[in-house]
């Protein structure tokens, strides 16, 4: 980062910052049509290398980590500056795939819960465009019960020995470090015996495999740990207090998935398939422009889209002022999931057979996208769990009954036992 850009940013108004960003972007970043963004494929390594290259340009210009503290490579500014930069950068190619999970989830969690060394080393490396961070949370037998992980970390001398497996890890193949939750004490209730580790993904003892989805994508991975050795410097937070770290991580994830994180660098669709549906164009291309039923379907989706866009700043302000608890971000996450499914369903309903039969018009992409319509309802925990969080932690409803609450984890029945 240039000294000039870094020092100037501290005394600038939002308007001055935006003006400087406007000039710099025009001179240094590739211009794009935001309605036809470059096709960034998360399952391909070349997309991640391109993102790192763009991130390095931003860092050199002094426009990365706008809301991250200066001591870790950021600018230490508030969200208004990031929003101003997002508005200016809309017409330029940005490393958007680094937003989630690297910046908005993992780096944000390390900022809140990591040691000084972890913050200085990992956050700085991310902002420089040198590293990618991923999450290693879900397990083959765990479902959405994150606290029920059975990947184990056993203490041997001054080392931690990790054995177990993780799955559905987003873009882990491209990652350098992963935040991994493991069980370090089996004699206490499940939430109390967990520890979060920061794992170098190129370490011996890790075998990684790609997962092929129904739509053909291989973005997700599964990892197997066989005698992975880690030192105490890999522990994030405190030993056996990993649930606190995981809870903070989920807080950031739910805000990020809904678009409410101040740590996102740039905004917009990562590629054309992620763009919101142009219902007018779709209706016209399928000969239904004057169909009242199609107009009603499109109108319902567009109204919900506007509500979502207004909900994000509303909830963010409420959390910032204390009107809502930190878990209020779950409201954004849940509405985002519901809206995504609603729009995918509406798009296919309008497209009809054109969305599932390849006629050379490109509309079959609608059917392919439908195959992954549930993605938004699973990321950051299922929508069912999001409703539990809203009910119990925002509305104050009684907690659901849990047979394993307060029971030492080694006495909890699992599987068929």
Protein backbone atom coordinates (compact mmCIF):
# COMPACT_ATOMS: atom_id res chain seq x y z
CA UNK A 1 0.00 0.00 0.00
CA UNK A 2 1.38 3.43 -0.87
CA UNK A 3 2.17 5.70 2.07
CA UNK A 4 0.42 8.59 0.35
CA UNK A 5 -2.85 6.74 -0.15
CA UNK A 6 -2.77 5.34 3.37
CA UNK A 7 -2.07 8.62 5.13
CA UNK A 8 -4.46 10.69 3.04
CA UNK A 9 -7.41 8.38 3.71
CA UNK A 10 -7.47 9.19 7.41
CA UNK A 11 -8.37 12.89 7.02
CA UNK A 12 -10.59 12.59 3.94
CA UNK A 13 -14.33 13.05 3.94
CA UNK A 14 -16.40 10.30 2.35
CA UNK A 15 -16.93 12.51 -0.70
CA UNK A 16 -13.20 13.21 -1.07
CA UNK A 17 -12.42 9.53 -0.65
CA UNK A 18 -14.97 8.62 -3.32
CA UNK A 19 -13.54 11.20 -5.72
CA UNK A 20 -10.01 9.87 -5.26
CA UNK A 21 -11.25 6.31 -5.71
CA UNK A 22 -13.07 7.33 -8.90
CA UNK A 23 -9.88 8.70 -10.41
CA UNK A 24 -7.73 5.79 -9.30
CA UNK A 25 -10.16 3.13 -10.55
CA UNK A 26 -10.33 4.74 -13.98
CA UNK A 27 -6.54 4.64 -14.26
CA UNK A 28 -5.81 1.25 -12.74
CA UNK A 29 -8.68 -1.25 -12.91
CA UNK A 30 -10.27 -2.99 -15.93
CA UNK A 31 -13.59 -1.43 -16.85
CA UNK A 32 -16.63 -3.71 -17.24
CA UNK A 33 -20.33 -3.59 -17.97
CA UNK A 34 -21.92 -4.43 -14.58
CA UNK A 35 -24.86 -5.95 -16.46
CA UNK A 36 -22.44 -8.33 -18.20
CA UNK A 37 -19.71 -9.02 -15.60
CA UNK A 38 -16.67 -11.21 -16.38
CA UNK A 39 -17.42 -14.87 -15.88
CA UNK A 40 -15.69 -15.81 -12.65
CA UNK A 41 -15.95 -19.55 -11.97
CA UNK A 42 -15.31 -20.41 -8.32
CA UNK A 43 -14.51 -24.00 -9.20
CA UNK A 44 -11.56 -23.00 -11.40
CA UNK A 45 -8.14 -22.06 -10.04
CA UNK A 46 -7.67 -19.41 -12.74
CA UNK A 47 -10.53 -17.37 -11.22
CA UNK A 48 -8.80 -17.30 -7.86
CA UNK A 49 -5.46 -16.31 -9.36
CA UNK A 50 -7.20 -13.48 -11.21
CA UNK A 51 -8.86 -12.36 -7.99
CA UNK A 52 -5.53 -12.29 -6.17
CA UNK A 53 -4.02 -10.25 -8.99
CA UNK A 54 -6.85 -7.70 -8.76
CA UNK A 55 -6.54 -7.62 -4.97
CA UNK A 56 -2.84 -6.79 -5.29
CA UNK A 57 -3.71 -3.85 -7.53
CA UNK A 58 -6.19 -2.57 -4.97
CA UNK A 59 -3.63 -2.96 -2.19
CA UNK A 60 -0.99 -1.06 -4.14
CA UNK A 61 -3.47 1.77 -4.63
CA UNK A 62 -4.50 1.87 -0.98
CA UNK A 63 -8.08 0.65 -1.43
CA UNK A 64 -8.16 -2.70 0.37
CA UNK A 65 -9.41 -3.44 3.85
CA UNK A 66 -11.22 -0.14 4.10
CA UNK A 67 -12.90 -1.19 7.37
CA UNK A 68 -10.02 -3.30 8.70
CA UNK A 69 -7.67 -1.68 11.25
CA UNK A 70 -4.58 0.08 9.93
CA UNK A 71 -2.23 -2.03 12.03
CA UNK A 72 -3.24 -5.09 9.99
CA UNK A 73 -3.01 -3.47 6.58
CA UNK A 74 -6.41 -1.81 6.33
CA UNK A 75 -7.51 1.81 6.36
CA UNK A 76 -9.44 1.82 9.64
CA UNK A 77 -12.39 3.70 8.17
CA UNK A 78 -16.09 3.18 8.79
CA UNK A 79 -18.67 1.51 6.59
CA UNK A 80 -19.67 4.74 4.83
CA UNK A 81 -16.28 4.79 3.08
CA UNK A 82 -16.65 1.17 1.97
CA UNK A 83 -20.13 1.84 0.61
CA UNK A 84 -18.80 4.85 -1.30
CA UNK A 85 -16.02 2.76 -2.79
CA UNK A 86 -18.48 0.00 -3.73
CA UNK A 87 -20.57 2.54 -5.63
CA UNK A 88 -17.54 3.85 -7.51
CA UNK A 89 -16.15 0.38 -8.30
CA UNK A 90 -19.38 -0.99 -9.78
CA UNK A 91 -18.13 -0.42 -13.32
CA UNK A 92 -14.75 -2.08 -12.77
CA UNK A 93 -13.58 -5.66 -12.44
CA UNK A 94 -13.17 -6.47 -8.76
CA UNK A 95 -11.97 -9.57 -6.86
CA UNK A 96 -15.50 -10.30 -5.65
CA UNK A 97 -14.91 -14.00 -4.97
CA UNK A 98 -12.53 -12.97 -2.18
CA UNK A 99 -15.43 -11.42 -0.29
CA UNK A 100 -16.89 -14.74 0.84
CA UNK A 101 -15.52 -16.49 2.75
CA UNK A 102 -12.04 -14.90 2.86
CA UNK A 103 -12.75 -11.29 3.83
CA UNK A 104 -16.25 -11.12 5.28
CA UNK A 105 -16.16 -14.35 7.30
CA UNK A 106 -12.68 -15.70 8.00
CA UNK A 107 -10.64 -12.49 8.19
CA UNK A 108 -13.44 -10.82 10.15
CA UNK A 109 -13.48 -13.71 12.63
CA UNK A 110 -9.71 -13.60 13.06
CA UNK A 111 -9.98 -9.86 13.65
CA UNK A 112 -12.46 -10.48 16.48
CA UNK A 113 -11.02 -13.64 18.01
CA UNK A 114 -7.46 -14.22 16.79
CA UNK A 115 -4.12 -13.54 18.46
CA UNK A 116 -2.09 -10.47 17.54
CA UNK A 117 0.20 -12.65 15.42
CA UNK A 118 -2.74 -14.25 13.60
CA UNK A 119 -4.28 -10.86 12.90
CA UNK A 120 -1.03 -9.34 11.72
CA UNK A 121 0.03 -12.30 9.57
CA UNK A 122 -3.21 -13.62 8.09
CA UNK A 123 -5.28 -10.44 7.66
CA UNK A 124 -2.33 -8.57 6.18
CA UNK A 125 -1.63 -11.43 3.76
CA UNK A 126 -5.26 -11.51 2.68
CA UNK A 127 -5.38 -7.78 2.07
CA UNK A 128 -2.15 -7.95 0.05
CA UNK A 129 -3.73 -10.59 -2.19
CA UNK A 130 -1.27 -13.26 -1.09
CA UNK A 131 -3.61 -15.67 0.71
CA UNK A 132 -7.12 -17.11 0.61
CA UNK A 133 -8.95 -18.20 3.76
CA UNK A 134 -11.71 -20.84 3.91
CA UNK A 135 -13.97 -22.52 6.45
CA UNK A 136 -13.62 -26.14 7.61
CA UNK A 137 -16.78 -26.61 9.66
CA UNK A 138 -19.35 -29.11 8.33
CA UNK A 139 -18.77 -32.84 8.76
CA UNK A 140 -20.08 -35.91 6.91
CA UNK A 141 -22.17 -36.99 9.90
CA UNK A 142 -22.92 -33.59 11.41
CA UNK A 143 -25.63 -31.96 9.33
CA UNK A 144 -26.35 -28.48 10.66
CA UNK A 145 -25.42 -29.38 14.23
CA UNK A 146 -22.08 -27.62 14.20
CA UNK A 147 -21.48 -28.19 17.91
CA UNK A 148 -21.70 -31.94 17.30
CA UNK A 149 -18.38 -32.17 15.42
CA UNK A 150 -16.36 -35.33 15.98
CA UNK A 151 -13.12 -34.34 14.26
CA UNK A 152 -10.76 -34.65 17.20
CA UNK A 153 -7.67 -32.78 18.32
CA UNK A 154 -5.58 -34.74 20.85
CA UNK A 155 -2.78 -33.22 22.85
CA UNK A 156 0.57 -35.00 22.54
CA UNK A 157 3.43 -33.18 24.17
CA UNK A 158 3.48 -29.67 22.74
CA UNK A 159 1.50 -30.60 19.62
CA UNK A 160 -2.11 -31.09 18.60
CA UNK A 161 -2.84 -34.20 16.52
CA UNK A 162 -5.91 -33.85 14.30
CA UNK A 163 -7.93 -36.78 12.95
CA UNK A 164 -11.32 -36.64 11.26
CA UNK A 165 -13.08 -35.21 8.22
CA UNK A 166 -14.80 -32.06 6.98
CA UNK A 167 -17.08 -31.61 3.99
CA UNK A 168 -18.84 -29.01 1.84
CA UNK A 169 -15.91 -26.65 2.37
CA UNK A 170 -16.41 -23.79 -0.08
CA UNK A 171 -13.48 -23.40 -2.49
CA UNK A 172 -11.08 -25.11 -0.08
CA UNK A 173 -8.96 -26.29 -3.01
CA UNK A 174 -7.93 -22.67 -3.57
CA UNK A 175 -7.32 -21.88 0.09
CA UNK A 176 -4.10 -21.31 2.00
CA UNK A 177 -5.53 -21.46 5.54
CA UNK A 178 -8.77 -22.80 6.95
CA UNK A 179 -10.65 -22.15 10.19
CA UNK A 180 -11.35 -25.64 11.53
CA UNK A 181 -13.47 -26.58 14.55
CA UNK A 182 -12.39 -29.73 16.40
CA UNK A 183 -13.23 -31.49 19.65
CA UNK A 184 -10.57 -31.24 22.34
CA UNK A 185 -12.54 -32.48 25.37
CA UNK A 186 -15.07 -35.32 25.17
CA UNK A 187 -15.97 -35.29 28.87
CA UNK A 188 -17.95 -32.04 28.85
CA UNK A 189 -21.17 -31.01 27.03
CA UNK A 190 -20.70 -30.60 23.31
CA UNK A 191 -20.51 -26.80 23.23
CA UNK A 192 -17.80 -26.71 25.92
CA UNK A 193 -15.18 -29.08 24.52
CA UNK A 194 -14.42 -27.43 21.18
CA UNK A 195 -11.38 -25.54 19.92
CA UNK A 196 -10.94 -23.52 16.73
CA UNK A 197 -7.72 -24.00 14.78
CA UNK A 198 -6.17 -22.04 11.94
CA UNK A 199 -4.91 -24.77 9.61
CA UNK A 200 -2.29 -24.39 6.84
CA UNK A 201 -3.99 -26.37 4.06
CA UNK A 202 -0.77 -27.54 2.43
CA UNK A 203 0.30 -29.38 5.61
CA UNK A 204 1.12 -33.09 5.62
CA UNK A 205 -1.76 -35.14 6.98
CA UNK A 206 -4.48 -33.45 4.87
CA UNK A 207 -6.10 -35.16 1.89
CA UNK A 208 -8.53 -33.02 -0.08
CA UNK A 209 -11.07 -34.11 -2.69
CA UNK A 210 -13.43 -32.09 -4.89
CA UNK A 211 -17.19 -32.72 -4.67
CA UNK A 212 -19.13 -32.79 -7.95
CA UNK A 213 -22.59 -31.23 -7.65
CA UNK A 214 -25.73 -31.97 -9.65
CA UNK A 215 -25.11 -28.89 -11.80
CA UNK A 216 -21.59 -30.08 -12.67
CA UNK A 217 -19.73 -27.61 -10.44
CA UNK A 218 -16.82 -28.78 -8.30
CA UNK A 219 -16.55 -25.75 -6.06
CA UNK A 220 -16.96 -27.64 -2.77
CA UNK A 221 -14.41 -29.95 -1.21
CA UNK A 222 -14.07 -32.59 1.47
CA UNK A 223 -10.98 -32.93 3.64
CA UNK A 224 -9.58 -35.87 5.57
CA UNK A 225 -7.19 -35.35 8.47
CA UNK A 226 -4.87 -38.20 9.33
CA UNK A 227 -2.36 -37.29 12.01
CA UNK A 228 -2.22 -33.60 11.10
CA UNK A 229 0.13 -31.86 13.55
CA UNK A 230 -0.47 -28.30 14.74
CA UNK A 231 1.18 -26.14 17.37
CA UNK A 232 -0.42 -23.86 19.94
CA UNK A 233 0.01 -20.95 17.54
CA UNK A 234 -2.77 -22.52 15.44
CA UNK A 235 -5.38 -22.13 18.21
CA UNK A 236 -7.83 -19.29 17.60
CA UNK A 237 -9.19 -17.94 20.87
CA UNK A 238 -8.84 -20.29 23.81
CA UNK A 239 -8.63 -24.07 24.06
CA UNK A 240 -12.08 -25.57 24.76
CA UNK A 241 -13.70 -22.21 24.04
CA UNK A 242 -14.05 -22.78 20.32
CA UNK A 243 -17.81 -22.41 20.38
CA UNK A 244 -17.40 -18.72 21.13
CA UNK A 245 -15.18 -18.40 18.06
CA UNK A 246 -17.58 -20.48 15.95
CA UNK A 247 -20.51 -18.36 17.08
CA UNK A 248 -18.71 -15.20 16.04
CA UNK A 249 -17.82 -16.86 12.75
CA UNK A 250 -21.48 -17.73 12.13
CA UNK A 251 -22.42 -14.15 13.01
CA UNK A 252 -20.13 -12.89 10.24
CA UNK A 253 -21.28 -15.58 7.83
CA UNK A 254 -24.96 -14.78 8.22
CA UNK A 255 -24.28 -11.10 7.65
CA UNK A 256 -22.04 -11.84 4.66
CA UNK A 257 -24.49 -14.19 2.96
CA UNK A 258 -27.20 -11.56 3.11
CA UNK A 259 -24.92 -8.75 1.91
CA UNK A 260 -24.61 -6.84 5.20
CA UNK A 261 -20.89 -7.04 5.95
CA UNK A 262 -18.70 -3.95 6.13
CA UNK A 263 -15.69 -6.07 5.20
CA UNK A 264 -16.83 -6.87 1.65
CA UNK A 265 -14.60 -5.28 -0.97
CA UNK A 266 -16.76 -4.27 -3.90
CA UNK A 267 -20.28 -5.38 -4.70
CA UNK A 268 -22.17 -6.89 -7.60
CA UNK A 269 -22.56 -10.23 -9.34
CA UNK A 270 -19.49 -12.44 -9.71
CA UNK A 271 -20.67 -13.52 -13.17
CA UNK A 272 -23.70 -13.29 -15.44
CA UNK A 273 -25.32 -16.38 -13.94
CA UNK A 274 -25.42 -14.59 -10.58
CA UNK A 275 -27.17 -11.52 -11.94
CA UNK A 276 -30.78 -10.96 -10.83
CA UNK A 277 -33.26 -12.02 -13.49
CA UNK A 278 -34.32 -9.38 -16.02
CA UNK A 279 -37.99 -10.37 -16.01
CA UNK A 280 -39.00 -8.01 -18.81
CA UNK A 281 -36.37 -9.43 -21.14
CA UNK A 282 -37.26 -13.00 -20.13
CA UNK A 283 -40.97 -12.47 -20.70
CA UNK A 284 -40.35 -10.87 -24.09
CA UNK A 285 -37.94 -13.58 -25.21
CA UNK A 286 -40.50 -16.27 -24.40
CA UNK A 287 -43.39 -14.40 -26.05
CA UNK A 288 -45.17 -13.63 -22.75
CA UNK A 289 -44.64 -9.91 -22.43
CA UNK A 290 -48.36 -9.18 -22.31
CA UNK A 291 -49.35 -12.15 -20.17
CA UNK A 292 -50.97 -10.86 -16.91
CA UNK A 293 -49.92 -13.99 -15.01
CA UNK A 294 -46.28 -13.49 -15.98
CA UNK A 295 -46.49 -9.80 -15.09
CA UNK A 296 -47.87 -10.66 -11.67
CA UNK A 297 -45.14 -13.24 -11.01
CA UNK A 298 -42.42 -10.79 -12.04
CA UNK A 299 -43.97 -8.01 -9.97
CA UNK A 300 -43.99 -10.12 -6.83
CA UNK A 301 -40.32 -10.99 -7.27
CA UNK A 302 -39.31 -7.39 -7.96
CA UNK A 303 -41.15 -6.08 -4.89
CA UNK A 304 -39.38 -8.62 -2.71
CA UNK A 305 -36.07 -7.64 -4.29
CA UNK A 306 -36.65 -4.01 -3.30
CA UNK A 307 -37.58 -5.06 0.24
CA UNK A 308 -34.36 -7.03 0.53
CA UNK A 309 -32.25 -4.09 -0.67
CA UNK A 310 -33.85 -1.86 1.97
CA UNK A 311 -33.69 -4.50 4.70
CA UNK A 312 -29.90 -4.79 4.63
CA UNK A 313 -29.06 -1.21 5.75
CA UNK A 314 -32.06 -1.17 8.11
CA UNK A 315 -30.90 -4.27 10.00
CA UNK A 316 -27.26 -3.19 9.89
CA UNK A 317 -28.12 0.14 11.53
CA UNK A 318 -30.28 -1.58 14.14
CA UNK A 319 -27.44 -3.94 15.11
CA UNK A 320 -24.93 -1.07 15.17
CA UNK A 321 -27.10 1.02 17.49
CA UNK A 322 -28.05 -1.88 19.75
CA UNK A 323 -31.72 -1.85 18.76
CA UNK A 324 -31.19 -5.45 17.66
CA UNK A 325 -28.72 -7.96 19.13
CA UNK A 326 -25.73 -9.07 16.99
CA UNK A 327 -27.76 -12.08 15.89
CA UNK A 328 -30.03 -9.63 14.06
CA UNK A 329 -27.93 -10.29 10.97
CA UNK A 330 -29.72 -13.63 10.75
CA UNK A 331 -32.77 -11.73 9.54
CA UNK A 332 -30.80 -10.64 6.47
CA UNK A 333 -29.52 -14.17 5.92
CA UNK A 334 -33.01 -15.71 6.12
CA UNK A 335 -34.65 -13.17 3.83
CA UNK A 336 -31.80 -13.56 1.34
CA UNK A 337 -32.33 -17.33 1.24
CA UNK A 338 -36.08 -17.06 0.84
CA UNK A 339 -35.73 -14.39 -1.83
CA UNK A 340 -33.15 -16.40 -3.77
CA UNK A 341 -35.42 -19.45 -3.88
CA UNK A 342 -38.42 -17.29 -4.78
CA UNK A 343 -36.60 -15.67 -7.69
CA UNK A 344 -35.20 -18.95 -9.00
CA UNK A 345 -38.66 -20.51 -8.85
CA UNK A 346 -40.26 -17.48 -10.50
CA UNK A 347 -37.66 -17.42 -13.27
CA UNK A 348 -38.23 -21.08 -14.11
CA UNK A 349 -42.01 -20.67 -13.91
CA UNK A 350 -41.83 -17.90 -16.52
CA UNK A 351 -39.29 -19.68 -18.72
CA UNK A 352 -41.27 -22.93 -18.68
CA UNK A 353 -39.93 -25.63 -20.99
CA UNK A 354 -37.45 -23.16 -22.49
CA UNK A 355 -35.57 -23.33 -19.19
CA UNK A 356 -35.01 -27.07 -19.35
CA UNK A 357 -34.69 -27.78 -23.11
CA UNK A 358 -31.55 -26.65 -24.91
CA UNK A 359 -32.72 -24.67 -27.92
CA UNK A 360 -29.51 -22.71 -28.32
CA UNK A 361 -30.97 -19.55 -26.81
CA UNK A 362 -29.15 -19.79 -23.49
CA UNK A 363 -32.33 -20.13 -21.46
CA UNK A 364 -31.43 -23.62 -20.30
CA UNK A 365 -29.03 -21.94 -17.88
CA UNK A 366 -32.18 -21.18 -15.89
CA UNK A 367 -32.79 -24.87 -15.37
CA UNK A 368 -29.17 -25.50 -14.47
CA UNK A 369 -29.33 -22.74 -11.87
CA UNK A 370 -32.49 -24.31 -10.46
CA UNK A 371 -30.47 -27.41 -9.58
CA UNK A 372 -28.62 -25.39 -6.93
CA UNK A 373 -31.57 -23.30 -5.72
CA UNK A 374 -31.13 -24.60 -2.15
CA UNK A 375 -27.59 -23.27 -1.78
CA UNK A 376 -28.63 -20.02 -0.14
CA UNK A 377 -30.82 -21.94 2.33
CA UNK A 378 -27.87 -24.03 3.54
CA UNK A 379 -24.96 -21.58 3.67
CA UNK A 380 -24.31 -20.31 7.17
CA UNK A 381 -26.52 -23.04 8.63
CA UNK A 382 -29.90 -24.08 7.30
CA UNK A 383 -32.85 -21.71 7.11
CA UNK A 384 -34.56 -23.82 9.77
CA UNK A 385 -31.69 -23.04 12.13
CA UNK A 386 -31.88 -19.36 11.18
CA UNK A 387 -35.53 -19.34 12.23
CA UNK A 388 -34.56 -20.91 15.55
CA UNK A 389 -31.94 -18.20 16.10
CA UNK A 390 -34.46 -15.46 15.32
CA UNK A 391 -37.10 -17.00 17.55
CA UNK A 392 -34.87 -17.74 20.53
CA UNK A 393 -32.25 -14.99 20.46
CA UNK A 394 -34.11 -12.06 18.91
CA UNK A 395 -37.75 -12.63 19.84
CA UNK A 396 -36.99 -14.33 23.15
CA UNK A 397 -39.02 -17.51 22.57
CA UNK A 398 -38.24 -20.56 24.75
CA UNK A 399 -35.41 -22.75 23.47
CA UNK A 400 -36.22 -25.99 21.71
CA UNK A 401 -35.81 -29.16 23.71
CA UNK A 402 -32.43 -30.85 23.15
CA UNK A 403 -31.79 -34.31 24.58
CA UNK A 404 -28.03 -33.76 24.63
CA UNK A 405 -28.06 -30.40 26.42
CA UNK A 406 -25.75 -30.54 29.44
CA UNK A 407 -24.73 -34.16 28.73
CA UNK A 408 -21.00 -34.99 28.45
CA UNK A 409 -20.32 -35.53 24.76
CA UNK A 410 -18.87 -39.00 25.27
CA UNK A 411 -22.24 -40.05 26.67
CA UNK A 412 -24.31 -38.64 23.80
CA UNK A 413 -25.76 -41.34 21.54
CA UNK A 414 -24.69 -40.93 17.93
CA UNK A 415 -25.45 -42.82 14.77
CA UNK A 416 -27.26 -46.11 15.32
CA UNK A 417 -26.17 -46.64 18.92
